[in-house]
């Protein structure tokens, strides 16, 4: 009589009997599925990396062209961004 507890050689299921060969096959199947998912994720991460690098270099090229065409505006924007970053990260000590 099974009252919901498991002995060493039992598993959850309808029959209460275990098959070591069946468990080994299911573990192997799970391992194969996990390996396939890891390969799939690795491939997807490679695609994302290349997309990010392409977009980043595209943005950097646009910024370089803008800075070359408008050097005074570029210096003003860089100064404003640096000042804003400084104000956000440091409290005002002299007030």
Protein backbone atom coordinates (compact mmCIF):
# COMPACT_ATOMS: atom_id res chain seq x y z
CA UNK A 1 0.00 0.00 0.00
CA UNK A 2 1.44 3.33 -1.06
CA UNK A 3 0.44 6.22 1.20
CA UNK A 4 2.19 8.94 -0.80
CA UNK A 5 5.72 8.26 0.47
CA UNK A 6 8.49 6.89 -1.69
CA UNK A 7 10.86 4.07 -0.97
CA UNK A 8 14.40 4.05 -2.39
CA UNK A 9 13.35 2.14 -5.49
CA UNK A 10 10.07 3.93 -6.26
CA UNK A 11 9.22 7.04 -8.24
CA UNK A 12 6.10 9.06 -8.77
CA UNK A 13 3.86 7.53 -11.37
CA UNK A 14 0.70 5.58 -11.89
CA UNK A 15 2.16 2.11 -11.38
CA UNK A 16 4.63 2.80 -8.57
CA UNK A 17 7.24 0.64 -10.34
CA UNK A 18 10.46 2.01 -11.79
CA UNK A 19 12.54 1.03 -14.73
CA UNK A 20 16.20 1.91 -14.57
CA UNK A 21 16.54 1.61 -18.34
CA UNK A 22 13.56 3.91 -18.86
CA UNK A 23 14.96 6.47 -16.43
CA UNK A 24 18.37 6.36 -18.09
CA UNK A 25 16.79 6.91 -21.51
CA UNK A 26 14.72 9.82 -20.25
CA UNK A 27 17.78 11.40 -18.62
CA UNK A 28 19.72 10.99 -21.88
CA UNK A 29 16.83 12.54 -23.81
CA UNK A 30 16.75 15.48 -21.42
CA UNK A 31 20.52 15.90 -21.71
CA UNK A 32 20.28 15.92 -25.51
CA UNK A 33 17.48 18.50 -25.38
CA UNK A 34 19.47 20.70 -23.00
CA UNK A 35 22.54 20.47 -25.23
CA UNK A 36 20.47 21.44 -28.28
CA UNK A 37 19.03 24.43 -26.39
CA UNK A 38 22.52 25.53 -25.31
CA UNK A 39 23.75 25.37 -28.91
CA UNK A 40 20.68 27.28 -30.08
CA UNK A 41 21.18 29.97 -27.43
CA UNK A 42 24.88 30.24 -28.25
CA UNK A 43 24.06 30.77 -31.92
CA UNK A 44 21.42 33.37 -31.04
CA UNK A 45 23.87 35.21 -28.76
CA UNK A 46 26.38 35.30 -31.61
CA UNK A 47 23.75 36.88 -33.86
CA UNK A 48 22.84 39.45 -31.21
CA UNK A 49 26.50 40.28 -30.65
CA UNK A 50 27.12 40.91 -34.33
CA UNK A 51 23.98 43.07 -34.57
CA UNK A 52 25.03 45.15 -31.57
CA UNK A 53 28.54 45.61 -32.96
CA UNK A 54 27.20 46.68 -36.35
CA UNK A 55 24.76 49.18 -34.85
CA UNK A 56 27.39 50.50 -32.44
CA UNK A 57 29.91 51.09 -35.21
CA UNK A 58 27.19 52.73 -37.31
CA UNK A 59 26.30 55.12 -34.48
CA UNK A 60 29.98 55.86 -33.80
CA UNK A 61 30.49 56.68 -37.48
CA UNK A 62 27.50 59.05 -37.47
CA UNK A 63 28.84 60.80 -34.35
CA UNK A 64 32.30 61.10 -35.92
CA UNK A 65 30.84 62.64 -39.09
CA UNK A 66 28.72 65.08 -37.08
CA UNK A 67 31.68 66.09 -34.91
CA UNK A 68 33.82 66.64 -38.00
CA UNK A 69 31.14 68.76 -39.65
CA UNK A 70 30.23 70.72 -36.47
CA UNK A 71 33.23 70.87 -34.14
CA UNK A 72 31.93 73.68 -31.88
CA UNK A 73 28.56 72.00 -31.38
CA UNK A 74 30.33 68.70 -30.66
CA UNK A 75 32.49 70.33 -27.98
CA UNK A 76 29.43 72.01 -26.43
CA UNK A 77 27.46 68.74 -26.42
CA UNK A 78 30.41 66.85 -24.89
CA UNK A 79 30.80 69.53 -22.20
CA UNK A 80 27.06 69.47 -21.40
CA UNK A 81 26.99 65.68 -21.22
CA UNK A 82 30.04 65.64 -18.95
CA UNK A 83 28.63 68.35 -16.69
CA UNK A 84 25.29 66.56 -16.44
CA UNK A 85 27.04 63.28 -15.64
CA UNK A 86 29.12 64.98 -12.97
CA UNK A 87 26.02 66.56 -11.37
CA UNK A 88 24.15 63.28 -11.35
CA UNK A 89 26.97 61.29 -9.76
CA UNK A 90 28.30 63.90 -7.28
CA UNK A 91 26.33 65.86 -4.71
CA UNK A 92 26.75 69.61 -4.39
CA UNK A 93 29.11 70.07 -1.42
CA UNK A 94 29.51 73.85 -1.50
CA UNK A 95 25.80 74.72 -1.06
